[in-house]
Protein backbone atom coordinates (compact mmCIF):
# COMPACT_ATOMS: atom_id res chain seq x y z
CA MET A 1 -0.45 95.87 162.54
CA LEU A 2 2.44 97.59 160.76
CA GLU A 3 5.66 95.68 160.17
CA ASN A 4 8.89 97.28 161.26
CA LYS A 5 11.11 97.23 158.16
CA ASP A 6 14.19 98.15 160.16
CA SER A 7 14.36 94.91 162.12
CA VAL A 8 15.96 91.68 160.95
CA GLN A 9 15.42 88.27 162.42
CA VAL A 10 18.36 85.89 162.52
CA SER A 11 18.07 82.26 163.49
CA HIS A 12 20.07 80.71 166.30
CA GLU A 13 21.97 78.48 163.82
CA ASP A 14 23.03 81.54 161.83
CA ILE A 15 24.26 83.27 164.97
CA GLU A 16 26.28 80.18 165.94
CA TRP A 17 27.76 80.02 162.42
CA ILE A 18 28.71 83.70 162.65
CA LYS A 19 30.35 83.10 166.05
CA GLN A 20 32.31 80.16 164.64
CA LYS A 21 33.51 82.20 161.67
CA MET A 22 34.51 85.07 163.95
CA GLN A 23 36.58 82.68 166.08
CA GLU A 24 38.27 81.30 162.94
CA MET A 25 39.02 84.84 161.80
CA ASP A 26 40.43 85.68 165.23
CA ILE A 27 42.86 82.77 164.97
CA SER A 28 43.87 83.81 161.45
CA ILE A 29 44.36 87.44 162.45
CA THR A 30 46.45 86.36 165.46
CA ARG A 31 48.69 84.27 163.18
CA ILE A 32 49.08 87.16 160.74
CA GLN A 33 49.94 89.50 163.61
CA GLN A 34 52.57 87.07 164.93
CA CYS A 35 54.06 86.81 161.45
CA VAL A 36 54.24 90.58 160.95
CA ILE A 37 55.26 91.60 164.47
CA GLY A 38 56.93 88.40 165.67
CA ASP A 39 56.52 86.30 168.77
CA ALA A 40 59.17 86.64 171.46
CA THR A 41 57.86 83.59 173.32
CA TYR A 42 58.87 81.30 170.44
CA GLY A 43 61.86 83.38 169.35
CA GLN A 44 60.17 84.27 166.08
CA VAL A 45 61.42 87.45 164.42
CA GLY A 46 58.68 89.39 162.71
CA LEU A 47 58.71 90.78 159.20
CA VAL A 48 59.01 94.33 160.48
CA LYS A 49 62.27 93.57 162.30
CA GLN A 50 63.60 91.57 159.36
CA VAL A 51 62.96 94.44 156.96
CA ASP A 52 64.65 96.85 159.39
CA SER A 53 67.63 94.51 159.69
CA HIS A 54 67.91 94.16 155.92
CA GLN A 55 67.69 97.93 155.47
CA ARG A 56 70.55 98.47 157.93
CA TYR A 57 72.62 95.85 156.08
CA ILE A 58 71.92 97.50 152.72
CA ASP A 59 72.88 100.93 154.09
CA LYS A 60 76.16 99.57 155.52
CA ASP A 61 76.89 97.77 152.26
CA LYS A 62 76.31 100.94 150.23
CA ALA A 63 78.64 102.90 152.51
CA TYR A 64 81.32 100.19 152.21
CA LYS A 65 81.05 100.12 148.41
CA ALA A 66 81.25 103.93 148.28
CA LYS A 67 84.42 103.85 150.40
CA VAL A 68 85.98 101.18 148.18
CA ALA A 69 85.07 103.09 145.01
CA GLY A 70 86.47 106.31 146.50
CA GLY A 71 89.68 104.54 147.49
CA MET A 72 90.04 103.17 143.98
CA VAL A 73 89.61 106.63 142.48
CA VAL A 74 92.19 108.13 144.86
CA THR A 75 94.63 105.27 144.24
CA GLY A 76 94.18 105.55 140.48
CA THR A 77 94.71 109.31 140.58
CA ILE A 78 97.86 109.04 142.69
CA TRP A 79 99.18 106.23 140.49
CA THR A 80 98.57 108.34 137.38
CA PHE A 81 100.52 111.27 138.85
CA VAL A 82 103.36 108.97 139.94
CA LEU A 83 103.67 107.49 136.47
CA LYS A 84 103.46 110.90 134.82
CA PHE A 85 106.14 112.44 137.03
CA TRP A 86 108.25 109.27 136.93
CA ASP A 87 108.70 109.70 133.20
CA LYS A 88 109.73 113.36 133.69
CA LEU A 89 112.23 112.51 136.42
CA PHE A 90 113.95 109.65 134.65
């Protein structure tokens, strides 16, 4: 009788061990998913939303700093002209 080299025999204990490990992995993957996406039931904000929130804050902060820097340049320029013409007038 020829043996079929394509078949593999696995014991019942090995199958139970594999099932147990799969269940453990399922729990771990669920926890990772809740961490990344968040869990509304527990009010947990996920990493994706936190990164989005931080990005919006950074963009607003950059715009604010650009406005302040622009205002300082305009104020400095006007002040320079005032001082220059002040000396010519008086």
